[in-house]
Amino acid sequence: IMVHVVEILYNTLSTIYAQQPQQKEETNPREYEVLKEFIRLAFENYTTEHKATFYANEIGLTLSHFCATIKKATGKTVQDIIRELIITDAKAQLKSSDTRINKIAKSLGFTPTAFNRYFLEYVKMTPLEYRNS
């Protein structure tokens, strides 16, 4: 499981940093600090907190300012980043263990039905189909 957690961290950070502006002078130090704090909070809380409002409140910014800052810094929305964390974790758990899908859903903060819909929407197959692929 630890290997998969490291993979999730690496993949997510690689994706986010690849989207950052190439010229250092374009990067605002405050934007970088907000992004860094968001990433830290997201890794700590993505299994229980799926909404941008939680992260904006924790960082002490209005929702609109927080979302705009993350979008400007990464080219991705807050929800995109949270979704990537959730889906990457779900995929890792589905492929690396025999854990029941209901238990995986609960570990990611979903009811089984909601998880099935969420996974299907973004992966275009059910968790069971993904596990068996």
N, C-alpha and C. Protein backbone atom coordinates (compact mmCIF):
# COMPACT_ATOMS: atom_id res chain seq x y z
N ILE A 1 0.83 -1.20 0.00
CA ILE A 1 0.00 0.00 0.00
C ILE A 1 0.87 1.25 0.00
N MET A 2 1.97 1.21 0.73
CA MET A 2 2.86 2.37 0.79
C MET A 2 3.40 2.73 -0.59
N VAL A 3 3.71 1.71 -1.39
CA VAL A 3 4.19 1.95 -2.75
C VAL A 3 3.15 2.71 -3.55
N HIS A 4 1.88 2.34 -3.38
CA HIS A 4 0.81 3.00 -4.13
C HIS A 4 0.59 4.43 -3.64
N VAL A 5 0.76 4.66 -2.37
CA VAL A 5 0.64 6.03 -1.84
C VAL A 5 1.73 6.91 -2.44
N VAL A 6 2.95 6.38 -2.51
CA VAL A 6 4.06 7.14 -3.10
C VAL A 6 3.79 7.38 -4.58
N GLU A 7 3.26 6.37 -5.27
CA GLU A 7 2.91 6.55 -6.68
C GLU A 7 1.87 7.63 -6.87
N ILE A 8 0.86 7.64 -6.01
CA ILE A 8 -0.18 8.66 -6.08
C ILE A 8 0.45 10.04 -5.90
N LEU A 9 1.27 10.18 -4.89
CA LEU A 9 1.94 11.45 -4.62
C LEU A 9 2.77 11.88 -5.82
N TYR A 10 3.59 10.99 -6.32
CA TYR A 10 4.46 11.31 -7.45
C TYR A 10 3.66 11.71 -8.69
N ASN A 11 2.66 10.90 -9.04
CA ASN A 11 1.86 11.17 -10.24
C ASN A 11 1.12 12.49 -10.14
N THR A 12 0.54 12.75 -8.99
CA THR A 12 -0.22 13.98 -8.81
C THR A 12 0.69 15.19 -8.86
N LEU A 13 1.78 15.15 -8.14
CA LEU A 13 2.71 16.29 -8.14
C LEU A 13 3.33 16.50 -9.52
N SER A 14 3.66 15.42 -10.21
CA SER A 14 4.21 15.55 -11.56
C SER A 14 3.23 16.24 -12.49
N THR A 15 1.97 15.84 -12.40
CA THR A 15 0.94 16.43 -13.24
C THR A 15 0.76 17.91 -12.93
N ILE A 16 0.72 18.23 -11.65
CA ILE A 16 0.51 19.62 -11.24
C ILE A 16 1.69 20.49 -11.65
N TYR A 17 2.89 20.05 -11.36
CA TYR A 17 4.06 20.86 -11.67
C TYR A 17 4.32 20.97 -13.16
N ALA A 18 3.89 20.00 -13.93
CA ALA A 18 4.03 20.09 -15.37
C ALA A 18 3.17 21.20 -15.95
N GLN A 19 2.10 21.55 -15.25
CA GLN A 19 1.19 22.60 -15.70
C GLN A 19 1.63 24.00 -15.27
N GLN A 20 2.62 24.09 -14.38
CA GLN A 20 3.04 25.40 -13.88
C GLN A 20 3.73 26.19 -14.97
N PRO A 21 3.67 27.52 -14.87
CA PRO A 21 4.34 28.36 -15.86
C PRO A 21 5.83 28.02 -15.94
N GLN A 22 6.37 28.03 -17.14
CA GLN A 22 7.77 27.68 -17.34
C GLN A 22 8.71 28.80 -16.89
N GLN A 23 8.28 30.03 -16.99
CA GLN A 23 9.13 31.14 -16.59
C GLN A 23 8.91 31.43 -15.12
N LYS A 24 10.00 31.43 -14.36
CA LYS A 24 9.91 31.62 -12.92
C LYS A 24 9.30 32.97 -12.54
N GLU A 25 9.55 33.99 -13.35
CA GLU A 25 9.02 35.30 -12.99
C GLU A 25 7.50 35.38 -13.08
N GLU A 26 6.88 34.42 -13.78
CA GLU A 26 5.42 34.39 -13.86
C GLU A 26 4.79 33.84 -12.59
N THR A 27 5.56 33.12 -11.81
CA THR A 27 5.03 32.47 -10.62
C THR A 27 5.08 33.43 -9.43
N ASN A 28 3.92 33.75 -8.94
CA ASN A 28 3.78 34.63 -7.78
C ASN A 28 4.10 33.81 -6.53
N PRO A 29 4.96 34.31 -5.64
CA PRO A 29 5.28 33.54 -4.43
C PRO A 29 4.05 33.20 -3.59
N ARG A 30 3.08 34.07 -3.53
CA ARG A 30 1.86 33.78 -2.76
C ARG A 30 1.07 32.65 -3.41
N GLU A 31 1.00 32.66 -4.74
CA GLU A 31 0.32 31.57 -5.45
C GLU A 31 1.00 30.24 -5.14
N TYR A 32 2.31 30.25 -5.14
CA TYR A 32 3.06 29.04 -4.84
C TYR A 32 2.77 28.56 -3.42
N GLU A 33 2.71 29.47 -2.48
CA GLU A 33 2.43 29.09 -1.08
C GLU A 33 1.01 28.52 -0.95
N VAL A 34 0.05 29.13 -1.63
CA VAL A 34 -1.33 28.62 -1.60
C VAL A 34 -1.37 27.22 -2.22
N LEU A 35 -0.70 27.04 -3.36
CA LEU A 35 -0.66 25.74 -4.01
C LEU A 35 -0.01 24.70 -3.11
N LYS A 36 1.10 25.04 -2.51
CA LYS A 36 1.81 24.12 -1.63
C LYS A 36 0.93 23.71 -0.45
N GLU A 37 0.24 24.68 0.14
CA GLU A 37 -0.64 24.38 1.28
C GLU A 37 -1.83 23.54 0.83
N PHE A 38 -2.37 23.84 -0.33
CA PHE A 38 -3.48 23.04 -0.86
C PHE A 38 -3.05 21.59 -1.08
N ILE A 39 -1.90 21.39 -1.69
CA ILE A 39 -1.42 20.04 -1.95
C ILE A 39 -1.25 19.28 -0.63
N ARG A 40 -0.68 19.93 0.36
CA ARG A 40 -0.50 19.30 1.67
C ARG A 40 -1.85 18.90 2.26
N LEU A 41 -2.78 19.85 2.25
CA LEU A 41 -4.12 19.59 2.79
C LEU A 41 -4.85 18.50 1.99
N ALA A 42 -4.70 18.55 0.68
CA ALA A 42 -5.39 17.57 -0.17
C ALA A 42 -4.91 16.16 0.14
N PHE A 43 -3.61 15.98 0.29
CA PHE A 43 -3.10 14.65 0.61
C PHE A 43 -3.55 14.17 1.98
N GLU A 44 -3.72 15.09 2.88
CA GLU A 44 -4.18 14.71 4.22
C GLU A 44 -5.67 14.44 4.28
N ASN A 45 -6.46 15.07 3.40
CA ASN A 45 -7.91 15.06 3.57
C ASN A 45 -8.74 14.56 2.39
N TYR A 46 -8.13 14.19 1.26
CA TYR A 46 -8.95 13.86 0.09
C TYR A 46 -9.87 12.67 0.31
N THR A 47 -9.58 11.84 1.29
CA THR A 47 -10.46 10.69 1.54
C THR A 47 -11.72 11.07 2.29
N THR A 48 -11.73 12.27 2.86
CA THR A 48 -12.92 12.70 3.61
C THR A 48 -13.49 14.02 3.12
N GLU A 49 -12.66 14.85 2.51
CA GLU A 49 -13.11 16.17 2.05
C GLU A 49 -12.96 16.27 0.54
N HIS A 50 -14.09 16.33 -0.15
CA HIS A 50 -14.09 16.36 -1.61
C HIS A 50 -14.45 17.72 -2.18
N LYS A 51 -14.74 18.69 -1.34
CA LYS A 51 -15.22 19.98 -1.82
C LYS A 51 -14.16 21.08 -1.67
N ALA A 52 -14.11 21.94 -2.67
CA ALA A 52 -13.14 23.04 -2.67
C ALA A 52 -13.36 24.00 -1.49
N THR A 53 -14.59 24.12 -1.04
CA THR A 53 -14.86 25.06 0.06
C THR A 53 -14.09 24.69 1.32
N PHE A 54 -13.94 23.41 1.60
CA PHE A 54 -13.17 22.98 2.76
C PHE A 54 -11.74 23.51 2.67
N TYR A 55 -11.11 23.33 1.54
CA TYR A 55 -9.71 23.73 1.37
C TYR A 55 -9.55 25.24 1.38
N ALA A 56 -10.48 25.95 0.76
CA ALA A 56 -10.44 27.42 0.78
C ALA A 56 -10.55 27.92 2.21
N ASN A 57 -11.47 27.36 2.97
CA ASN A 57 -11.64 27.77 4.38
C ASN A 57 -10.41 27.47 5.20
N GLU A 58 -9.81 26.31 5.00
CA GLU A 58 -8.61 25.93 5.75
C GLU A 58 -7.44 26.87 5.45
N ILE A 59 -7.35 27.32 4.22
CA ILE A 59 -6.26 28.21 3.82
C ILE A 59 -6.59 29.66 4.15
N GLY A 60 -7.86 29.95 4.36
CA GLY A 60 -8.27 31.30 4.74
C GLY A 60 -8.50 32.23 3.56
N LEU A 61 -8.96 31.67 2.46
CA LEU A 61 -9.27 32.47 1.27
C LEU A 61 -10.73 32.30 0.90
N THR A 62 -11.25 33.27 0.17
CA THR A 62 -12.59 33.08 -0.36
C THR A 62 -12.53 31.95 -1.39
N LEU A 63 -13.64 31.30 -1.61
CA LEU A 63 -13.68 30.19 -2.55
C LEU A 63 -13.25 30.64 -3.95
N SER A 64 -13.76 31.77 -4.40
CA SER A 64 -13.43 32.22 -5.76
C SER A 64 -11.95 32.57 -5.89
N HIS A 65 -11.38 33.23 -4.90
CA HIS A 65 -9.95 33.58 -4.95
C HIS A 65 -9.09 32.32 -4.90
N PHE A 66 -9.44 31.39 -4.03
CA PHE A 66 -8.71 30.14 -3.90
C PHE A 66 -8.72 29.37 -5.22
N CYS A 67 -9.91 29.21 -5.80
CA CYS A 67 -10.04 28.46 -7.06
C CYS A 67 -9.27 29.12 -8.20
N ALA A 68 -9.35 30.44 -8.26
CA ALA A 68 -8.62 31.18 -9.31
C ALA A 68 -7.12 31.04 -9.13
N THR A 69 -6.65 31.07 -7.90
CA THR A 69 -5.22 30.95 -7.62
C THR A 69 -4.70 29.57 -8.04
N ILE A 70 -5.43 28.53 -7.68
CA ILE A 70 -5.01 27.17 -8.04
C ILE A 70 -5.05 26.98 -9.55
N LYS A 71 -6.09 27.49 -10.19
CA LYS A 71 -6.21 27.39 -11.65
C LYS A 71 -5.05 28.11 -12.34
N LYS A 72 -4.71 29.29 -11.85
CA LYS A 72 -3.62 30.06 -12.45
C LYS A 72 -2.28 29.36 -12.24
N ALA A 73 -2.09 28.77 -11.07
CA ALA A 73 -0.81 28.13 -10.75
C ALA A 73 -0.61 26.80 -11.46
N THR A 74 -1.71 26.06 -11.71
CA THR A 74 -1.57 24.71 -12.25
C THR A 74 -2.22 24.49 -13.61
N GLY A 75 -3.15 25.35 -13.97
CA GLY A 75 -3.92 25.11 -15.19
C GLY A 75 -5.05 24.12 -14.97
N LYS A 76 -5.22 23.68 -13.73
CA LYS A 76 -6.28 22.72 -13.38
C LYS A 76 -7.17 23.32 -12.31
N THR A 77 -8.41 22.83 -12.26
CA THR A 77 -9.30 23.29 -11.20
C THR A 77 -9.00 22.52 -9.92
N VAL A 78 -9.47 23.05 -8.81
CA VAL A 78 -9.34 22.37 -7.53
C VAL A 78 -9.99 21.00 -7.61
N GLN A 79 -11.19 20.94 -8.19
CA GLN A 79 -11.90 19.67 -8.30
C GLN A 79 -11.14 18.68 -9.16
N ASP A 80 -10.47 19.15 -10.22
CA ASP A 80 -9.66 18.26 -11.05
C ASP A 80 -8.57 17.60 -10.22
N ILE A 81 -7.91 18.37 -9.39
CA ILE A 81 -6.81 17.85 -8.57
C ILE A 81 -7.33 16.86 -7.54
N ILE A 82 -8.41 17.21 -6.87
CA ILE A 82 -9.00 16.29 -5.88
C ILE A 82 -9.44 15.00 -6.57
N ARG A 83 -10.08 15.13 -7.71
CA ARG A 83 -10.54 13.96 -8.47
C ARG A 83 -9.35 13.08 -8.86
N GLU A 84 -8.26 13.68 -9.32
CA GLU A 84 -7.08 12.89 -9.68
C GLU A 84 -6.56 12.09 -8.50
N LEU A 85 -6.54 12.70 -7.33
CA LEU A 85 -6.10 11.99 -6.13
C LEU A 85 -7.01 10.81 -5.84
N ILE A 86 -8.31 11.06 -5.85
CA ILE A 86 -9.29 10.02 -5.53
C ILE A 86 -9.22 8.87 -6.54
N ILE A 87 -9.23 9.20 -7.81
CA ILE A 87 -9.24 8.17 -8.86
C ILE A 87 -7.92 7.40 -8.86
N THR A 88 -6.81 8.08 -8.68
CA THR A 88 -5.52 7.38 -8.64
C THR A 88 -5.45 6.42 -7.47
N ASP A 89 -5.92 6.86 -6.31
CA ASP A 89 -5.95 5.99 -5.14
C ASP A 89 -6.88 4.80 -5.38
N ALA A 90 -8.06 5.08 -5.91
CA ALA A 90 -9.02 4.00 -6.18
C ALA A 90 -8.44 2.98 -7.15
N LYS A 91 -7.83 3.45 -8.22
CA LYS A 91 -7.23 2.53 -9.19
C LYS A 91 -6.14 1.68 -8.54
N ALA A 92 -5.31 2.32 -7.74
CA ALA A 92 -4.23 1.58 -7.07
C ALA A 92 -4.81 0.50 -6.15
N GLN A 93 -5.82 0.86 -5.38
CA GLN A 93 -6.42 -0.12 -4.47
C GLN A 93 -7.11 -1.25 -5.24
N LEU A 94 -7.78 -0.90 -6.32
CA LEU A 94 -8.48 -1.91 -7.10
C LEU A 94 -7.53 -2.90 -7.75
N LYS A 95 -6.39 -2.43 -8.23
CA LYS A 95 -5.45 -3.31 -8.92
C LYS A 95 -4.50 -4.04 -7.98
N SER A 96 -4.25 -3.49 -6.80
CA SER A 96 -3.21 -4.06 -5.95
C SER A 96 -3.73 -4.88 -4.78
N SER A 97 -5.03 -4.96 -4.64
CA SER A 97 -5.56 -5.70 -3.49
C SER A 97 -6.86 -6.40 -3.84
N ASP A 98 -7.25 -7.26 -2.93
CA ASP A 98 -8.54 -7.94 -3.07
C ASP A 98 -9.60 -7.28 -2.19
N THR A 99 -9.31 -6.10 -1.71
CA THR A 99 -10.24 -5.39 -0.84
C THR A 99 -11.56 -5.21 -1.56
N ARG A 100 -12.64 -5.46 -0.84
CA ARG A 100 -13.97 -5.31 -1.43
C ARG A 100 -14.18 -3.87 -1.89
N ILE A 101 -14.88 -3.72 -2.99
CA ILE A 101 -15.11 -2.41 -3.57
C ILE A 101 -15.88 -1.52 -2.59
N ASN A 102 -16.80 -2.09 -1.84
CA ASN A 102 -17.54 -1.31 -0.84
C ASN A 102 -16.59 -0.71 0.20
N LYS A 103 -15.60 -1.49 0.59
CA LYS A 103 -14.62 -1.01 1.57
C LYS A 103 -13.73 0.08 0.98
N ILE A 104 -13.34 -0.08 -0.28
CA ILE A 104 -12.55 0.96 -0.96
C ILE A 104 -13.37 2.24 -1.05
N ALA A 105 -14.65 2.10 -1.41
CA ALA A 105 -15.53 3.27 -1.49
C ALA A 105 -15.55 4.02 -0.17
N LYS A 106 -15.75 3.30 0.91
CA LYS A 106 -15.80 3.94 2.24
C LYS A 106 -14.47 4.56 2.62
N SER A 107 -13.35 3.91 2.24
CA SER A 107 -12.04 4.46 2.56
C SER A 107 -11.77 5.78 1.83
N LEU A 108 -12.50 6.02 0.76
CA LEU A 108 -12.35 7.25 -0.02
C LEU A 108 -13.47 8.26 0.25
N GLY A 109 -14.30 7.97 1.24
CA GLY A 109 -15.33 8.92 1.65
C GLY A 109 -16.62 8.87 0.84
N PHE A 110 -16.91 7.73 0.23
CA PHE A 110 -18.11 7.58 -0.59
C PHE A 110 -18.98 6.45 -0.07
N THR A 111 -20.26 6.54 -0.38
CA THR A 111 -21.11 5.36 -0.24
C THR A 111 -20.78 4.48 -1.44
N PRO A 112 -21.05 3.19 -1.37
CA PRO A 112 -20.74 2.33 -2.52
C PRO A 112 -21.40 2.78 -3.83
N THR A 113 -22.65 3.19 -3.75
CA THR A 113 -23.36 3.64 -4.95
C THR A 113 -22.74 4.91 -5.53
N ALA A 114 -22.44 5.87 -4.66
CA ALA A 114 -21.85 7.13 -5.12
C ALA A 114 -20.47 6.89 -5.72
N PHE A 115 -19.70 6.02 -5.11
CA PHE A 115 -18.37 5.69 -5.63
C PHE A 115 -18.47 5.06 -7.01
N ASN A 116 -19.39 4.14 -7.17
CA ASN A 116 -19.58 3.48 -8.46
C ASN A 116 -19.89 4.51 -9.55
N ARG A 117 -20.81 5.44 -9.25
CA ARG A 117 -21.16 6.49 -10.22
C ARG A 117 -19.97 7.41 -10.51
N TYR A 118 -19.28 7.82 -9.45
CA TYR A 118 -18.13 8.72 -9.57
C TYR A 118 -17.04 8.08 -10.43
N PHE A 119 -16.70 6.84 -10.11
CA PHE A 119 -15.66 6.13 -10.85
C PHE A 119 -16.07 5.95 -12.31
N LEU A 120 -17.29 5.55 -12.53
CA LEU A 120 -17.80 5.34 -13.89
C LEU A 120 -17.75 6.64 -14.69
N GLU A 121 -18.12 7.74 -14.06
CA GLU A 121 -18.12 9.04 -14.76
C GLU A 121 -16.73 9.43 -15.24
N TYR A 122 -15.72 9.20 -14.43
CA TYR A 122 -14.39 9.68 -14.77
C TYR A 122 -13.47 8.64 -15.41
N VAL A 123 -13.73 7.38 -15.18
CA VAL A 123 -12.87 6.33 -15.75
C VAL A 123 -13.56 5.64 -16.93
N LYS A 124 -14.86 5.85 -17.05
CA LYS A 124 -15.67 5.28 -18.13
C LYS A 124 -15.82 3.76 -18.02
N MET A 125 -15.63 3.24 -16.82
CA MET A 125 -15.94 1.84 -16.52
C MET A 125 -16.19 1.75 -15.02
N THR A 126 -16.89 0.70 -14.63
CA THR A 126 -17.18 0.54 -13.21
C THR A 126 -15.90 0.10 -12.49
N PRO A 127 -15.85 0.25 -11.17
CA PRO A 127 -14.70 -0.24 -10.42
C PRO A 127 -14.43 -1.73 -10.67
N LEU A 128 -15.47 -2.55 -10.72
CA LEU A 128 -15.29 -3.97 -10.96
C LEU A 128 -14.73 -4.23 -12.35
N GLU A 129 -15.24 -3.53 -13.35
CA GLU A 129 -14.71 -3.67 -14.71
C GLU A 129 -13.23 -3.27 -14.73
N TYR A 130 -12.90 -2.19 -14.03
CA TYR A 130 -11.50 -1.74 -13.99
C TYR A 130 -10.62 -2.80 -13.32
N ARG A 131 -11.07 -3.33 -12.20
CA ARG A 131 -10.30 -4.36 -11.48
C ARG A 131 -10.04 -5.57 -12.38
N ASN A 132 -11.03 -5.94 -13.15
CA ASN A 132 -10.92 -7.12 -13.99
C ASN A 132 -10.25 -6.87 -15.34
N SER A 133 -9.96 -5.61 -15.64
CA SER A 133 -9.34 -5.29 -16.95
C SER A 133 -7.85 -5.55 -16.96
